[in-house]
Amino acid sequence: MTKKRIGVVLSGCGVQDGSEIHEATLTLYFLDRAQAGAVPMAPNVLQQSVVNHLTGQQTSETRHVLVESARIARGNIQDLALVRAEDLDGIILPGGFGAAKNLSSIASDGANAWVNEDLHKLLVELHRSGKPIGAICIAPMLVSKVLSGLGVALTIGDDAQTAKEMEAMGNRHQNSTVDQIVIDHANKIVTTAAYMCATSIGEAGIGIEKLVSALLEMA
């Protein structure tokens, strides 16, 4: 039996300036436990900022998104620009501020944000191919931007302002709790709030496990 190949898009290493490490690791764990093949990837770009996670203060350091993401993937990572839809059976985007600052400008621009060109292209190709897309925490906002105006059902939990920005993109926000997922069957998209609502890794894991399971069923 051939393993399903599921892309995992990383955006650095650390919740304040990269991928949310718990969300990324849980995604990789649940994919492995389901005997799916994870395909970690990240853009070959500089981080927009570097934050000292001990103090919460921004530093003057320069870090590289692909290099930092390789920490989470134990070095097994691909340049996002080199990945094509035909290489994958589906894709998952963990959250963290890196998704909103390195993969996009959601953090600063909201509904008017840009999304990394290579990621934008890959998500469009996957959607057109009928392959499932999963997004966690703030990452559904990137999916919403890429698929603007399609009326896609998504969730980022219950943050009213972020939900308003999502709906300004022409999609539908559905409030959810930490243990829930939202599935848009027509578009093959599944989302969960994770640390938009979670207060612990255990809480975040409930929705992520459900998301991985639902995505693999659609793949």
N, C-alpha and C. Protein backbone atom coordinates (compact mmCIF):
# COMPACT_ATOMS: atom_id res chain seq x y z
N MET A 1 0.84 -1.20 0.00
CA MET A 1 0.00 0.00 0.00
C MET A 1 0.88 1.26 0.00
N THR A 2 0.65 2.14 -0.94
CA THR A 2 1.43 3.36 -1.04
C THR A 2 0.97 4.38 -0.01
N LYS A 3 1.92 4.97 0.70
CA LYS A 3 1.59 5.99 1.69
C LYS A 3 1.05 7.24 1.01
N LYS A 4 0.04 7.84 1.62
CA LYS A 4 -0.41 9.14 1.16
C LYS A 4 0.64 10.18 1.53
N ARG A 5 0.94 11.06 0.60
CA ARG A 5 1.97 12.08 0.80
C ARG A 5 1.29 13.41 1.12
N ILE A 6 1.48 13.85 2.35
CA ILE A 6 0.81 15.06 2.83
C ILE A 6 1.84 16.15 3.12
N GLY A 7 1.75 17.25 2.40
CA GLY A 7 2.64 18.37 2.64
C GLY A 7 2.35 19.02 3.98
N VAL A 8 3.39 19.46 4.66
CA VAL A 8 3.26 20.21 5.92
C VAL A 8 4.07 21.50 5.74
N VAL A 9 3.37 22.61 5.65
CA VAL A 9 4.02 23.89 5.35
C VAL A 9 4.48 24.57 6.64
N LEU A 10 5.79 24.71 6.79
CA LEU A 10 6.36 25.34 7.98
C LEU A 10 6.78 26.77 7.67
N SER A 11 6.93 27.57 8.73
CA SER A 11 7.20 29.00 8.53
C SER A 11 8.25 29.53 9.50
N GLY A 12 9.14 28.66 9.92
CA GLY A 12 10.13 29.02 10.92
C GLY A 12 9.99 28.12 12.13
N CYS A 13 10.58 28.51 13.24
CA CYS A 13 10.60 27.65 14.43
C CYS A 13 10.35 28.47 15.69
N GLY A 14 9.08 28.53 16.11
CA GLY A 14 8.72 29.27 17.31
C GLY A 14 7.47 30.09 17.10
N VAL A 15 6.55 30.02 18.03
CA VAL A 15 5.22 30.61 17.84
C VAL A 15 5.24 32.10 17.52
N GLN A 16 6.19 32.86 18.09
CA GLN A 16 6.17 34.30 17.93
C GLN A 16 6.72 34.80 16.60
N ASP A 17 7.51 33.97 15.91
CA ASP A 17 8.09 34.43 14.65
C ASP A 17 8.17 33.34 13.59
N GLY A 18 7.62 32.17 13.87
CA GLY A 18 7.67 31.05 12.94
C GLY A 18 6.50 30.12 13.15
N SER A 19 6.69 28.84 12.87
CA SER A 19 5.65 27.85 13.10
C SER A 19 5.41 27.66 14.60
N GLU A 20 4.14 27.45 14.96
CA GLU A 20 3.82 27.05 16.33
C GLU A 20 4.32 25.61 16.47
N ILE A 21 5.33 25.40 17.32
CA ILE A 21 6.03 24.12 17.34
C ILE A 21 5.12 22.98 17.77
N HIS A 22 4.25 23.19 18.76
CA HIS A 22 3.33 22.14 19.17
C HIS A 22 2.43 21.73 18.02
N GLU A 23 1.86 22.72 17.33
CA GLU A 23 0.94 22.42 16.22
C GLU A 23 1.65 21.69 15.09
N ALA A 24 2.86 22.13 14.76
CA ALA A 24 3.62 21.49 13.69
C ALA A 24 3.99 20.06 14.06
N THR A 25 4.46 19.88 15.31
CA THR A 25 4.89 18.55 15.74
C THR A 25 3.72 17.60 15.88
N LEU A 26 2.62 18.08 16.40
CA LEU A 26 1.42 17.23 16.50
C LEU A 26 0.94 16.82 15.12
N THR A 27 0.99 17.72 14.16
CA THR A 27 0.61 17.39 12.79
C THR A 27 1.49 16.26 12.26
N LEU A 28 2.79 16.39 12.41
CA LEU A 28 3.72 15.36 11.95
C LEU A 28 3.49 14.05 12.69
N TYR A 29 3.22 14.12 13.98
CA TYR A 29 2.99 12.92 14.80
C TYR A 29 1.75 12.17 14.34
N PHE A 30 0.64 12.90 14.19
CA PHE A 30 -0.60 12.23 13.82
C PHE A 30 -0.55 11.69 12.39
N LEU A 31 0.17 12.37 11.50
CA LEU A 31 0.36 11.83 10.15
C LEU A 31 1.16 10.53 10.20
N ASP A 32 2.22 10.51 10.98
CA ASP A 32 3.05 9.32 11.09
C ASP A 32 2.27 8.17 11.72
N ARG A 33 1.50 8.48 12.75
CA ARG A 33 0.72 7.43 13.42
C ARG A 33 -0.33 6.84 12.49
N ALA A 34 -0.80 7.64 11.53
CA ALA A 34 -1.78 7.15 10.56
C ALA A 34 -1.11 6.52 9.34
N GLN A 35 0.22 6.37 9.42
CA GLN A 35 1.02 5.75 8.36
C GLN A 35 0.95 6.54 7.05
N ALA A 36 0.87 7.86 7.18
CA ALA A 36 0.95 8.74 6.01
C ALA A 36 2.38 9.28 5.93
N GLY A 37 2.77 9.68 4.73
CA GLY A 37 4.09 10.24 4.54
C GLY A 37 4.04 11.76 4.59
N ALA A 38 4.66 12.35 5.59
CA ALA A 38 4.72 13.81 5.70
C ALA A 38 5.79 14.35 4.77
N VAL A 39 5.47 15.47 4.12
CA VAL A 39 6.42 16.14 3.24
C VAL A 39 6.60 17.57 3.75
N PRO A 40 7.50 17.78 4.73
CA PRO A 40 7.72 19.13 5.25
C PRO A 40 8.32 20.05 4.20
N MET A 41 7.89 21.30 4.20
CA MET A 41 8.40 22.28 3.24
C MET A 41 8.32 23.67 3.86
N ALA A 42 9.11 24.58 3.34
CA ALA A 42 9.10 25.97 3.80
C ALA A 42 9.68 26.85 2.71
N PRO A 43 9.32 28.12 2.69
CA PRO A 43 9.88 29.02 1.68
C PRO A 43 11.33 29.37 1.98
N ASN A 44 12.08 29.58 0.92
CA ASN A 44 13.50 29.91 1.03
C ASN A 44 13.65 31.42 1.11
N VAL A 45 13.22 31.99 2.26
CA VAL A 45 13.19 33.45 2.45
C VAL A 45 13.66 33.79 3.87
N LEU A 46 13.96 35.06 4.08
CA LEU A 46 14.28 35.52 5.43
C LEU A 46 13.02 35.72 6.24
N GLN A 47 13.13 35.53 7.56
CA GLN A 47 12.01 35.84 8.45
C GLN A 47 11.75 37.34 8.46
N GLN A 48 10.49 37.70 8.68
CA GLN A 48 10.14 39.11 8.78
C GLN A 48 10.65 39.72 10.08
N SER A 49 10.76 38.89 11.12
CA SER A 49 11.28 39.36 12.41
C SER A 49 11.80 38.16 13.18
N VAL A 50 12.59 38.43 14.21
CA VAL A 50 13.08 37.39 15.11
C VAL A 50 12.74 37.81 16.53
N VAL A 51 12.09 36.93 17.27
CA VAL A 51 11.63 37.24 18.63
C VAL A 51 12.35 36.34 19.64
N ASN A 52 12.83 36.94 20.71
CA ASN A 52 13.38 36.19 21.84
C ASN A 52 12.19 35.57 22.58
N HIS A 53 12.05 34.26 22.51
CA HIS A 53 10.88 33.62 23.09
C HIS A 53 10.93 33.56 24.62
N LEU A 54 12.07 33.90 25.21
CA LEU A 54 12.16 33.98 26.66
C LEU A 54 11.60 35.29 27.17
N THR A 55 11.89 36.38 26.46
CA THR A 55 11.45 37.71 26.90
C THR A 55 10.26 38.24 26.12
N GLY A 56 10.02 37.67 24.94
CA GLY A 56 8.94 38.17 24.09
C GLY A 56 9.32 39.40 23.30
N GLN A 57 10.58 39.80 23.38
CA GLN A 57 11.05 41.01 22.70
C GLN A 57 11.65 40.69 21.33
N GLN A 58 11.39 41.58 20.37
CA GLN A 58 12.00 41.44 19.06
C GLN A 58 13.49 41.74 19.15
N THR A 59 14.31 41.01 18.39
CA THR A 59 15.75 41.19 18.40
C THR A 59 16.23 41.71 17.04
N SER A 60 17.51 41.99 16.95
CA SER A 60 18.10 42.46 15.70
C SER A 60 18.67 41.33 14.87
N GLU A 61 18.45 40.09 15.30
CA GLU A 61 18.96 38.94 14.57
C GLU A 61 18.30 38.80 13.20
N THR A 62 18.98 38.09 12.31
CA THR A 62 18.42 37.70 11.02
C THR A 62 18.37 36.18 10.98
N ARG A 63 17.21 35.64 10.68
CA ARG A 63 17.08 34.19 10.56
C ARG A 63 16.36 33.85 9.26
N HIS A 64 16.54 32.61 8.85
CA HIS A 64 16.07 32.13 7.55
C HIS A 64 14.94 31.13 7.76
N VAL A 65 13.83 31.31 7.08
CA VAL A 65 12.64 30.48 7.30
C VAL A 65 12.91 29.01 7.00
N LEU A 66 13.55 28.71 5.87
CA LEU A 66 13.81 27.31 5.52
C LEU A 66 14.77 26.66 6.51
N VAL A 67 15.80 27.38 6.90
CA VAL A 67 16.79 26.84 7.85
C VAL A 67 16.16 26.61 9.22
N GLU A 68 15.37 27.57 9.70
CA GLU A 68 14.73 27.43 11.00
C GLU A 68 13.69 26.31 10.98
N SER A 69 12.95 26.20 9.89
CA SER A 69 11.93 25.14 9.77
C SER A 69 12.57 23.76 9.77
N ALA A 70 13.78 23.67 9.26
CA ALA A 70 14.49 22.39 9.23
C ALA A 70 14.72 21.84 10.63
N ARG A 71 14.73 22.72 11.65
CA ARG A 71 14.86 22.26 13.03
C ARG A 71 13.69 21.34 13.40
N ILE A 72 12.48 21.75 13.02
CA ILE A 72 11.29 20.97 13.35
C ILE A 72 11.26 19.68 12.54
N ALA A 73 11.68 19.76 11.28
CA ALA A 73 11.62 18.61 10.38
C ALA A 73 12.84 17.71 10.48
N ARG A 74 13.73 17.99 11.43
CA ARG A 74 14.96 17.21 11.62
C ARG A 74 15.78 17.15 10.32
N GLY A 75 15.75 18.26 9.58
CA GLY A 75 16.55 18.36 8.36
C GLY A 75 15.87 17.83 7.12
N ASN A 76 14.77 17.10 7.29
CA ASN A 76 14.07 16.50 6.15
C ASN A 76 13.02 17.48 5.63
N ILE A 77 13.47 18.44 4.81
CA ILE A 77 12.57 19.51 4.39
C ILE A 77 12.88 19.92 2.95
N GLN A 78 11.86 20.40 2.27
CA GLN A 78 12.00 20.82 0.88
C GLN A 78 11.74 22.32 0.75
N ASP A 79 12.35 22.91 -0.25
CA ASP A 79 12.07 24.28 -0.61
C ASP A 79 10.66 24.32 -1.20
N LEU A 80 9.80 25.12 -0.62
CA LEU A 80 8.41 25.22 -1.06
C LEU A 80 8.30 25.49 -2.56
N ALA A 81 9.21 26.26 -3.10
CA ALA A 81 9.15 26.63 -4.52
C ALA A 81 9.31 25.44 -5.44
N LEU A 82 9.85 24.35 -4.93
CA LEU A 82 10.13 23.18 -5.77
C LEU A 82 9.04 22.11 -5.67
N VAL A 83 8.03 22.33 -4.84
CA VAL A 83 6.97 21.34 -4.64
C VAL A 83 5.80 21.65 -5.57
N ARG A 84 5.24 20.62 -6.19
CA ARG A 84 4.11 20.76 -7.10
C ARG A 84 2.92 19.95 -6.57
N ALA A 85 1.74 20.34 -7.01
CA ALA A 85 0.52 19.66 -6.55
C ALA A 85 0.56 18.17 -6.85
N GLU A 86 1.15 17.79 -7.99
CA GLU A 86 1.20 16.38 -8.35
C GLU A 86 2.10 15.56 -7.43
N ASP A 87 2.93 16.24 -6.64
CA ASP A 87 3.80 15.55 -5.69
C ASP A 87 3.06 15.14 -4.42
N LEU A 88 1.86 15.67 -4.22
CA LEU A 88 1.16 15.53 -2.94
C LEU A 88 -0.24 14.95 -3.11
N ASP A 89 -0.74 14.37 -2.01
CA ASP A 89 -2.14 13.93 -1.94
C ASP A 89 -2.98 14.89 -1.11
N GLY A 90 -2.33 15.83 -0.45
CA GLY A 90 -3.00 16.82 0.38
C GLY A 90 -1.95 17.67 1.06
N ILE A 91 -2.41 18.66 1.83
CA ILE A 91 -1.47 19.58 2.47
C ILE A 91 -2.07 20.10 3.77
N ILE A 92 -1.22 20.39 4.75
CA ILE A 92 -1.65 20.96 6.03
C ILE A 92 -0.75 22.14 6.37
N LEU A 93 -1.37 23.24 6.83
CA LEU A 93 -0.65 24.43 7.26
C LEU A 93 -0.83 24.61 8.76
N PRO A 94 0.20 24.31 9.59
CA PRO A 94 0.13 24.67 11.00
C PRO A 94 0.15 26.19 11.16
N GLY A 95 -0.19 26.67 12.38
CA GLY A 95 -0.23 28.09 12.62
C GLY A 95 1.06 28.64 13.22
N GLY A 96 0.93 29.68 14.02
CA GLY A 96 2.06 30.43 14.53
C GLY A 96 2.18 31.75 13.78
N PHE A 97 2.84 32.74 14.39
CA PHE A 97 2.96 34.05 13.75
C PHE A 97 3.74 33.99 12.44
N GLY A 98 4.55 32.93 12.26
CA GLY A 98 5.25 32.79 10.99
C GLY A 98 4.30 32.65 9.82
N ALA A 99 3.17 31.97 10.04
CA ALA A 99 2.17 31.85 8.98
C ALA A 99 1.62 33.21 8.60
N ALA A 100 1.49 34.08 9.60
CA ALA A 100 0.89 35.41 9.40
C ALA A 100 1.92 36.48 9.06
N LYS A 101 3.24 36.15 9.19
CA LYS A 101 4.27 37.14 8.90
C LYS A 101 5.27 36.69 7.84
N ASN A 102 5.57 35.38 7.77
CA ASN A 102 6.55 34.88 6.81
C ASN A 102 5.90 34.26 5.58
N LEU A 103 4.76 33.58 5.78
CA LEU A 103 4.04 32.99 4.66
C LEU A 103 3.05 33.98 4.06
N SER A 104 2.77 35.05 4.79
CA SER A 104 1.80 36.05 4.35
C SER A 104 2.02 37.33 5.15
N SER A 105 1.18 38.32 4.86
CA SER A 105 1.20 39.55 5.68
C SER A 105 -0.11 39.70 6.46
N ILE A 106 -0.74 38.57 6.76
CA ILE A 106 -2.01 38.58 7.51
C ILE A 106 -1.88 39.37 8.81
N ALA A 107 -0.75 39.24 9.51
CA ALA A 107 -0.57 39.89 10.81
C ALA A 107 -0.70 41.40 10.72
N SER A 108 -0.22 41.98 9.62
CA SER A 108 -0.24 43.43 9.48
C SER A 108 -1.32 43.95 8.55
N ASP A 109 -1.75 43.13 7.58
CA ASP A 109 -2.64 43.63 6.53
C ASP A 109 -4.03 43.03 6.53
N GLY A 110 -4.27 42.02 7.35
CA GLY A 110 -5.60 41.44 7.43
C GLY A 110 -6.15 41.01 6.08
N ALA A 111 -7.36 41.47 5.75
CA ALA A 111 -8.02 41.08 4.51
C ALA A 111 -7.28 41.53 3.27
N ASN A 112 -6.39 42.51 3.41
CA ASN A 112 -5.63 43.03 2.27
C ASN A 112 -4.24 42.38 2.14
N ALA A 113 -4.04 41.29 2.82
CA ALA A 113 -2.72 40.66 2.90
C ALA A 113 -2.27 40.05 1.58
N TRP A 114 -0.95 39.91 1.45
CA TRP A 114 -0.39 39.07 0.40
C TRP A 114 -0.09 37.70 0.98
N VAL A 115 -0.02 36.70 0.11
CA VAL A 115 0.39 35.34 0.49
C VAL A 115 1.59 34.98 -0.37
N ASN A 116 2.58 34.34 0.24
CA ASN A 116 3.78 33.91 -0.48
C ASN A 116 3.40 33.34 -1.84
N GLU A 117 4.05 33.81 -2.88
CA GLU A 117 3.68 33.47 -4.26
C GLU A 117 3.70 31.97 -4.52
N ASP A 118 4.72 31.27 -4.02
CA ASP A 118 4.83 29.83 -4.25
C ASP A 118 3.74 29.08 -3.49
N LEU A 119 3.44 29.51 -2.29
CA LEU A 119 2.38 28.88 -1.52
C LEU A 119 1.03 29.13 -2.17
N HIS A 120 0.81 30.36 -2.61
CA HIS A 120 -0.44 30.71 -3.29
C HIS A 120 -0.66 29.79 -4.49
N LYS A 121 0.37 29.65 -5.30
CA LYS A 121 0.27 28.81 -6.50
C LYS A 121 -0.02 27.36 -6.14
N LEU A 122 0.68 26.83 -5.13
CA LEU A 122 0.51 25.44 -4.74
C LEU A 122 -0.90 25.18 -4.20
N LEU A 123 -1.41 26.08 -3.38
CA LEU A 123 -2.75 25.90 -2.84
C LEU A 123 -3.81 25.96 -3.93
N VAL A 124 -3.63 26.85 -4.88
CA VAL A 124 -4.58 26.94 -6.01
C VAL A 124 -4.54 25.64 -6.82
N GLU A 125 -3.35 25.13 -7.08
CA GLU A 125 -3.21 23.89 -7.86
C GLU A 125 -3.85 22.72 -7.13
N LEU A 126 -3.64 22.63 -5.82
CA LEU A 126 -4.22 21.54 -5.04
C LEU A 126 -5.75 21.63 -5.04
N HIS A 127 -6.26 22.84 -4.86
CA HIS A 127 -7.70 23.03 -4.84
C HIS A 127 -8.32 22.66 -6.19
N ARG A 128 -7.70 23.07 -7.25
CA ARG A 128 -8.20 22.75 -8.60
C ARG A 128 -8.12 21.26 -8.89
N SER A 129 -7.16 20.59 -8.27
CA SER A 129 -6.98 19.15 -8.46
C SER A 129 -7.89 18.33 -7.56
N GLY A 130 -8.66 19.00 -6.70
CA GLY A 130 -9.55 18.28 -5.79
C GLY A 130 -8.84 17.58 -4.66
N LYS A 131 -7.65 18.09 -4.30
CA LYS A 131 -6.89 17.49 -3.20
C LYS A 131 -7.13 18.30 -1.93
N PRO A 132 -7.23 17.63 -0.78
CA PRO A 132 -7.64 18.32 0.45
C PRO A 132 -6.58 19.25 1.03
N ILE A 133 -7.06 20.31 1.66
CA ILE A 133 -6.23 21.31 2.32
C ILE A 133 -6.66 21.40 3.78
N GLY A 134 -5.71 21.31 4.69
CA GLY A 134 -5.98 21.48 6.11
C GLY A 134 -5.24 22.71 6.62
N ALA A 135 -5.87 23.44 7.53
CA ALA A 135 -5.22 24.63 8.09
C ALA A 135 -5.56 24.76 9.56
N ILE A 136 -4.57 25.16 10.34
CA ILE A 136 -4.65 25.14 11.80
C ILE A 136 -4.40 26.54 12.35
N CYS A 137 -5.11 26.91 13.43
CA CYS A 137 -4.88 28.15 14.15
C CYS A 137 -5.16 29.35 13.25
N ILE A 138 -4.18 30.20 12.97
CA ILE A 138 -4.37 31.38 12.12
C ILE A 138 -4.24 31.03 10.64
N ALA A 139 -3.70 29.86 10.31
CA ALA A 139 -3.45 29.50 8.91
C ALA A 139 -4.71 29.46 8.04
N PRO A 140 -5.92 29.20 8.57
CA PRO A 140 -7.10 29.30 7.70
C PRO A 140 -7.25 30.66 7.03
N MET A 141 -6.67 31.70 7.63
CA MET A 141 -6.73 33.02 7.00
C MET A 141 -5.95 33.05 5.68
N LEU A 142 -4.86 32.29 5.59
CA LEU A 142 -4.11 32.22 4.34
C LEU A 142 -4.93 31.50 3.27
N VAL A 143 -5.58 30.41 3.69
CA VAL A 143 -6.43 29.68 2.75
C VAL A 143 -7.56 30.58 2.28
N SER A 144 -8.13 31.33 3.20
CA SER A 144 -9.21 32.25 2.86
C SER A 144 -8.76 33.28 1.84
N LYS A 145 -7.55 33.81 2.01
CA LYS A 145 -7.04 34.82 1.08
C LYS A 145 -6.82 34.23 -0.30
N VAL A 146 -6.21 33.05 -0.34
CA VAL A 146 -5.92 32.40 -1.62
C VAL A 146 -7.21 32.05 -2.37
N LEU A 147 -8.23 31.64 -1.62
CA LEU A 147 -9.50 31.23 -2.22
C LEU A 147 -10.57 32.31 -2.01
N SER A 148 -10.16 33.54 -2.09
CA SER A 148 -11.07 34.67 -1.86
C SER A 148 -12.30 34.58 -2.76
N GLY A 149 -13.45 34.89 -2.16
CA GLY A 149 -14.69 35.00 -2.91
C GLY A 149 -15.39 33.70 -3.23
N LEU A 150 -14.88 32.58 -2.74
CA LEU A 150 -15.49 31.29 -3.07
C LEU A 150 -16.51 30.83 -2.04
N GLY A 151 -16.69 31.60 -0.97
CA GLY A 151 -17.66 31.21 0.05
C GLY A 151 -17.27 29.97 0.82
N VAL A 152 -15.96 29.75 0.98
CA VAL A 152 -15.46 28.57 1.68
C VAL A 152 -15.76 28.67 3.18
N ALA A 153 -16.17 27.56 3.79
CA ALA A 153 -16.42 27.51 5.23
C ALA A 153 -15.12 27.19 5.96
N LEU A 154 -14.75 28.06 6.90
CA LEU A 154 -13.49 27.95 7.62
C LEU A 154 -13.69 28.35 9.06
N THR A 155 -12.72 28.03 9.92
CA THR A 155 -12.77 28.50 11.30
C THR A 155 -11.40 28.92 11.80
N ILE A 156 -11.39 29.94 12.64
CA ILE A 156 -10.21 30.28 13.42
C ILE A 156 -10.59 30.31 14.91
N GLY A 157 -11.71 29.67 15.24
CA GLY A 157 -12.19 29.62 16.62
C GLY A 157 -13.33 30.59 16.82
N ASP A 158 -13.11 31.58 17.69
CA ASP A 158 -14.20 32.52 17.99
C ASP A 158 -13.72 33.97 18.08
N ASP A 159 -12.59 34.28 17.43
CA ASP A 159 -12.07 35.64 17.45
C ASP A 159 -12.87 36.48 16.45
N ALA A 160 -13.66 37.41 16.96
CA ALA A 160 -14.62 38.15 16.13
C ALA A 160 -13.94 39.01 15.07
N GLN A 161 -12.85 39.68 15.43
CA GLN A 161 -12.19 40.57 14.48
C GLN A 161 -11.56 39.79 13.33
N THR A 162 -10.90 38.68 13.65
CA THR A 162 -10.29 37.87 12.60
C THR A 162 -11.36 37.25 11.71
N ALA A 163 -12.47 36.82 12.33
CA ALA A 163 -13.59 36.27 11.56
C ALA A 163 -14.15 37.32 10.60
N LYS A 164 -14.23 38.55 11.05
CA LYS A 164 -14.73 39.64 10.20
C LYS A 164 -13.82 39.83 8.99
N GLU A 165 -12.51 39.76 9.20
CA GLU A 165 -11.56 39.91 8.10
C GLU A 165 -11.67 38.75 7.12
N MET A 166 -11.91 37.55 7.65
CA MET A 166 -12.09 36.38 6.79
C MET A 166 -13.32 36.57 5.90
N GLU A 167 -14.40 37.05 6.49
CA GLU A 167 -15.63 37.24 5.72
C GLU A 167 -15.48 38.37 4.71
N ALA A 168 -14.59 39.34 5.00
CA ALA A 168 -14.32 40.41 4.03
C ALA A 168 -13.60 39.86 2.80
N MET A 169 -13.01 38.67 2.93
CA MET A 169 -12.36 38.02 1.79
C MET A 169 -13.37 37.24 0.95
N GLY A 170 -14.62 37.21 1.39
CA GLY A 170 -15.64 36.51 0.62
C GLY A 170 -15.81 35.05 1.00
N ASN A 171 -15.42 34.72 2.22
CA ASN A 171 -15.60 33.35 2.71
C ASN A 171 -16.46 33.35 3.97
N ARG A 172 -16.79 32.17 4.49
CA ARG A 172 -17.71 32.05 5.60
C ARG A 172 -16.98 31.54 6.85
N HIS A 173 -17.02 32.33 7.90
CA HIS A 173 -16.43 31.87 9.15
C HIS A 173 -17.47 31.14 9.99
N GLN A 174 -17.04 30.02 10.57
CA GLN A 174 -17.90 29.26 11.49
C GLN A 174 -17.23 29.19 12.85
N ASN A 175 -17.88 29.75 13.87
CA ASN A 175 -17.32 29.68 15.21
C ASN A 175 -17.13 28.23 15.64
N SER A 176 -16.08 27.97 16.40
CA SER A 176 -15.82 26.61 16.86
C SER A 176 -15.09 26.65 18.19
N THR A 177 -15.13 25.52 18.89
CA THR A 177 -14.38 25.36 20.13
C THR A 177 -13.10 24.58 19.83
N VAL A 178 -12.23 24.49 20.82
CA VAL A 178 -10.91 23.92 20.62
C VAL A 178 -10.95 22.46 20.17
N ASP A 179 -12.01 21.75 20.51
CA ASP A 179 -12.07 20.32 20.19
C ASP A 179 -12.82 20.03 18.89
N GLN A 180 -13.14 21.07 18.14
CA GLN A 180 -13.92 20.88 16.92
C GLN A 180 -13.09 21.14 15.67
N ILE A 181 -13.57 20.58 14.56
CA ILE A 181 -13.05 20.92 13.25
C ILE A 181 -14.22 21.39 12.39
N VAL A 182 -13.91 22.17 11.36
CA VAL A 182 -14.91 22.59 10.38
C VAL A 182 -14.48 22.03 9.03
N ILE A 183 -15.39 21.31 8.40
CA ILE A 183 -15.10 20.69 7.10
C ILE A 183 -15.98 21.32 6.03
N ASP A 184 -15.34 21.82 4.98
CA ASP A 184 -16.05 22.24 3.78
C ASP A 184 -15.90 21.10 2.78
N HIS A 185 -16.90 20.24 2.71
CA HIS A 185 -16.79 19.04 1.89
C HIS A 185 -16.67 19.37 0.41
N ALA A 186 -17.39 20.39 -0.04
CA ALA A 186 -17.38 20.73 -1.46
C ALA A 186 -15.98 21.15 -1.92
N ASN A 187 -15.26 21.86 -1.05
CA ASN A 187 -13.93 22.35 -1.40
C ASN A 187 -12.80 21.48 -0.83
N LYS A 188 -13.16 20.45 -0.06
CA LYS A 188 -12.18 19.56 0.57
C LYS A 188 -11.20 20.34 1.44
N ILE A 189 -11.76 21.15 2.33
CA ILE A 189 -10.94 21.95 3.24
C ILE A 189 -11.38 21.68 4.67
N VAL A 190 -10.41 21.44 5.55
CA VAL A 190 -10.71 21.19 6.96
C VAL A 190 -9.84 22.10 7.82
N THR A 191 -10.46 22.74 8.81
CA THR A 191 -9.74 23.70 9.65
C THR A 191 -10.06 23.44 11.12
N THR A 192 -9.14 23.87 11.98
CA THR A 192 -9.35 23.77 13.43
C THR A 192 -8.62 24.90 14.13
N ALA A 193 -9.14 25.32 15.27
CA ALA A 193 -8.63 26.52 15.94
C ALA A 193 -7.32 26.32 16.68
N ALA A 194 -7.11 25.13 17.25
CA ALA A 194 -5.90 24.85 18.02
C ALA A 194 -5.57 26.00 18.99
N TYR A 195 -4.37 26.59 18.87
CA TYR A 195 -3.97 27.60 19.86
C TYR A 195 -4.64 28.96 19.69
N MET A 196 -5.55 29.10 18.74
CA MET A 196 -6.41 30.29 18.76
C MET A 196 -7.35 30.21 19.96
N CYS A 197 -7.58 28.97 20.44
CA CYS A 197 -8.46 28.74 21.59
C CYS A 197 -7.80 27.92 22.69
N ALA A 198 -6.87 27.05 22.33
CA ALA A 198 -6.30 26.10 23.27
C ALA A 198 -5.48 26.77 24.36
N THR A 199 -5.48 26.15 25.53
CA THR A 199 -4.65 26.61 26.64
C THR A 199 -3.56 25.60 26.99
N SER A 200 -3.49 24.49 26.23
CA SER A 200 -2.48 23.47 26.49
C SER A 200 -2.25 22.66 25.23
N ILE A 201 -1.13 21.94 25.19
CA ILE A 201 -0.82 21.11 24.04
C ILE A 201 -1.85 19.99 23.90
N GLY A 202 -2.36 19.50 25.03
CA GLY A 202 -3.37 18.46 24.98
C GLY A 202 -4.65 18.93 24.32
N GLU A 203 -5.07 20.16 24.66
CA GLU A 203 -6.27 20.71 24.03
C GLU A 203 -6.05 20.91 22.54
N ALA A 204 -4.91 21.47 22.18
CA ALA A 204 -4.62 21.71 20.76
C ALA A 204 -4.62 20.40 19.98
N GLY A 205 -4.13 19.35 20.61
CA GLY A 205 -4.01 18.07 19.93
C GLY A 205 -5.33 17.43 19.57
N ILE A 206 -6.39 17.73 20.32
CA ILE A 206 -7.69 17.12 20.04
C ILE A 206 -8.17 17.48 18.64
N GLY A 207 -8.19 18.78 18.34
CA GLY A 207 -8.64 19.22 17.03
C GLY A 207 -7.69 18.83 15.92
N ILE A 208 -6.38 18.87 16.20
CA ILE A 208 -5.39 18.53 15.17
C ILE A 208 -5.50 17.07 14.78
N GLU A 209 -5.71 16.20 15.76
CA GLU A 209 -5.88 14.77 15.45
C GLU A 209 -7.10 14.56 14.56
N LYS A 210 -8.19 15.25 14.88
CA LYS A 210 -9.40 15.13 14.06
C LYS A 210 -9.17 15.68 12.66
N LEU A 211 -8.44 16.79 12.56
CA LEU A 211 -8.15 17.38 11.26
C LEU A 211 -7.34 16.42 10.39
N VAL A 212 -6.29 15.85 10.95
CA VAL A 212 -5.46 14.92 10.19
C VAL A 212 -6.28 13.72 9.71
N SER A 213 -7.11 13.18 10.59
CA SER A 213 -7.94 12.04 10.23
C SER A 213 -8.91 12.37 9.11
N ALA A 214 -9.57 13.55 9.22
CA ALA A 214 -10.53 13.95 8.19
C ALA A 214 -9.84 14.21 6.86
N LEU A 215 -8.67 14.84 6.90
CA LEU A 215 -7.96 15.14 5.66
C LEU A 215 -7.52 13.86 4.97
N LEU A 216 -7.03 12.89 5.73
CA LEU A 216 -6.59 11.64 5.12
C LEU A 216 -7.75 10.87 4.51
N GLU A 217 -8.92 10.97 5.10
CA GLU A 217 -10.10 10.32 4.52
C GLU A 217 -10.46 10.94 3.17
N MET A 218 -10.19 12.24 3.02
CA MET A 218 -10.50 12.92 1.76
C MET A 218 -9.41 12.76 0.72
N ALA A 219 -8.21 12.41 1.16
CA ALA A 219 -7.05 12.34 0.25
C ALA A 219 -7.13 11.12 -0.68
